[in-house]
């Protein structure tokens, strides 16, 4: 399992997955808003979303844990 981290400080604008969803490499999981820009947070590998630690509207700091993803269990 691996933690999915916020690339920068900002707000959680949209969560595109839910716990238990299978994701492919490069799938957008969360969209952040920072400095009036949308920043997609993607999965580096295929896996399964085990937990979401944020909700839409939450402010987050850079390197905050947004989700936990178990890699190697997603779509090929």
C-alpha atoms as a PDB file:
ATOM      1  CA  UNK A   1       0.000   0.000   0.000  1.00  0.00           C
ATOM      2  CA  UNK A   2       1.108   3.540  -0.599  1.00  0.00           C
ATOM      3  CA  UNK A   3       0.015   6.996   0.463  1.00  0.00           C
ATOM      4  CA  UNK A   4      -1.166   9.412  -2.221  1.00  0.00           C
ATOM      5  CA  UNK A   5       0.213  12.834  -1.267  1.00  0.00           C
ATOM      6  CA  UNK A   6      -0.885  16.377  -2.062  1.00  0.00           C
ATOM      7  CA  UNK A   7       1.586  17.864  -4.554  1.00  0.00           C
ATOM      8  CA  UNK A   8       1.113  21.367  -3.082  1.00  0.00           C
ATOM      9  CA  UNK A   9      -0.986  23.273  -0.580  1.00  0.00           C
ATOM     10  CA  UNK A  10      -4.542  24.018  -1.678  1.00  0.00           C
ATOM     11  CA  UNK A  11      -8.136  22.843  -1.367  1.00  0.00           C
ATOM     12  CA  UNK A  12      -9.774  19.584  -2.378  1.00  0.00           C
ATOM     13  CA  UNK A  13     -12.072  20.612  -5.203  1.00  0.00           C
ATOM     14  CA  UNK A  14     -13.392  17.257  -6.457  1.00  0.00           C
ATOM     15  CA  UNK A  15     -12.988  13.611  -5.468  1.00  0.00           C
ATOM     16  CA  UNK A  16     -13.425  11.347  -8.489  1.00  0.00           C
ATOM     17  CA  UNK A  17     -13.209   7.940  -6.762  1.00  0.00           C
ATOM     18  CA  UNK A  18     -14.584   6.179  -3.706  1.00  0.00           C
ATOM     19  CA  UNK A  19     -13.128   3.577  -1.389  1.00  0.00           C
ATOM     20  CA  UNK A  20     -12.933   0.195  -3.091  1.00  0.00           C
ATOM     21  CA  UNK A  21     -12.637   1.612  -6.624  1.00  0.00           C
ATOM     22  CA  UNK A  22     -10.067   0.024  -8.897  1.00  0.00           C
ATOM     23  CA  UNK A  23      -7.914   2.530 -10.736  1.00  0.00           C
ATOM     24  CA  UNK A  24      -5.482   2.344 -13.626  1.00  0.00           C
ATOM     25  CA  UNK A  25      -2.106   4.038 -13.838  1.00  0.00           C
ATOM     26  CA  UNK A  26      -2.495   7.774 -14.494  1.00  0.00           C
ATOM     27  CA  UNK A  27      -6.212   7.825 -13.559  1.00  0.00           C
ATOM     28  CA  UNK A  28      -7.224  11.120 -11.941  1.00  0.00           C
ATOM     29  CA  UNK A  29      -8.362  10.411  -8.380  1.00  0.00           C
ATOM     30  CA  UNK A  30      -8.658  13.871  -6.862  1.00  0.00           C
ATOM     31  CA  UNK A  31      -8.643  17.392  -8.259  1.00  0.00           C
ATOM     32  CA  UNK A  32      -7.145  20.094  -6.077  1.00  0.00           C
ATOM     33  CA  UNK A  33      -7.502  23.859  -6.457  1.00  0.00           C
ATOM     34  CA  UNK A  34      -4.471  26.018  -5.757  1.00  0.00           C
ATOM     35  CA  UNK A  35      -3.574  29.494  -6.975  1.00  0.00           C
ATOM     36  CA  UNK A  36      -6.779  29.511  -9.103  1.00  0.00           C
ATOM     37  CA  UNK A  37      -5.579  26.420 -10.977  1.00  0.00           C
ATOM     38  CA  UNK A  38      -6.932  22.872 -11.027  1.00  0.00           C
ATOM     39  CA  UNK A  39      -4.280  20.316 -10.114  1.00  0.00           C
ATOM     40  CA  UNK A  40      -5.127  16.674 -10.867  1.00  0.00           C
ATOM     41  CA  UNK A  41      -3.759  14.073  -8.456  1.00  0.00           C
ATOM     42  CA  UNK A  42      -3.231  10.809 -10.344  1.00  0.00           C
ATOM     43  CA  UNK A  43      -2.446   7.237  -9.435  1.00  0.00           C
ATOM     44  CA  UNK A  44       1.117   6.322 -10.390  1.00  0.00           C
ATOM     45  CA  UNK A  45       0.142   2.641 -10.818  1.00  0.00           C
ATOM     46  CA  UNK A  46      -2.920   0.419 -11.133  1.00  0.00           C
ATOM     47  CA  UNK A  47      -4.454  -0.439  -7.784  1.00  0.00           C
ATOM     48  CA  UNK A  48      -7.431  -0.229  -5.448  1.00  0.00           C
ATOM     49  CA  UNK A  49      -8.410   2.807  -3.360  1.00  0.00           C
ATOM     50  CA  UNK A  50      -8.323   1.571   0.250  1.00  0.00           C
ATOM     51  CA  UNK A  51      -9.203   4.821   2.027  1.00  0.00           C
ATOM     52  CA  UNK A  52      -9.858   8.495   1.351  1.00  0.00           C
ATOM     53  CA  UNK A  53      -8.595  10.794   4.086  1.00  0.00           C
ATOM     54  CA  UNK A  54     -10.057  14.051   2.741  1.00  0.00           C
ATOM     55  CA  UNK A  55     -13.423  15.340   1.565  1.00  0.00           C
ATOM     56  CA  UNK A  56     -14.367  17.981  -0.968  1.00  0.00           C
ATOM     57  CA  UNK A  57     -13.662  21.470   0.334  1.00  0.00           C
ATOM     58  CA  UNK A  58     -10.918  20.416   2.759  1.00  0.00           C
ATOM     59  CA  UNK A  59      -7.802  22.600   2.867  1.00  0.00           C
ATOM     60  CA  UNK A  60      -4.578  20.572   2.701  1.00  0.00           C
ATOM     61  CA  UNK A  61      -0.882  21.295   3.041  1.00  0.00           C
ATOM     62  CA  UNK A  62       1.764  20.060   0.617  1.00  0.00           C
ATOM     63  CA  UNK A  63       2.637  16.394   1.222  1.00  0.00           C
ATOM     64  CA  UNK A  64      -0.565  15.759   3.219  1.00  0.00           C
ATOM     65  CA  UNK A  65      -1.881  12.221   2.784  1.00  0.00           C
ATOM     66  CA  UNK A  66      -5.009  12.344   0.615  1.00  0.00           C
ATOM     67  CA  UNK A  67      -5.687   8.641   0.114  1.00  0.00           C
ATOM     68  CA  UNK A  68      -4.228   5.185   0.566  1.00  0.00           C
ATOM     69  CA  UNK A  69      -3.992   3.025  -2.547  1.00  0.00           C
ATOM     70  CA  UNK A  70      -3.021  -0.646  -2.674  1.00  0.00           C
ATOM     71  CA  UNK A  71      -1.022  -1.055  -5.866  1.00  0.00           C
ATOM     72  CA  UNK A  72      -0.955  -4.175  -7.966  1.00  0.00           C
ATOM     73  CA  UNK A  73      -4.690  -4.850  -7.534  1.00  0.00           C
ATOM     74  CA  UNK A  74      -6.155  -2.572 -10.184  1.00  0.00           C
ATOM     75  CA  UNK A  75      -6.804  -2.765 -13.895  1.00  0.00           C
ATOM     76  CA  UNK A  76      -3.947  -4.009 -16.073  1.00  0.00           C
END
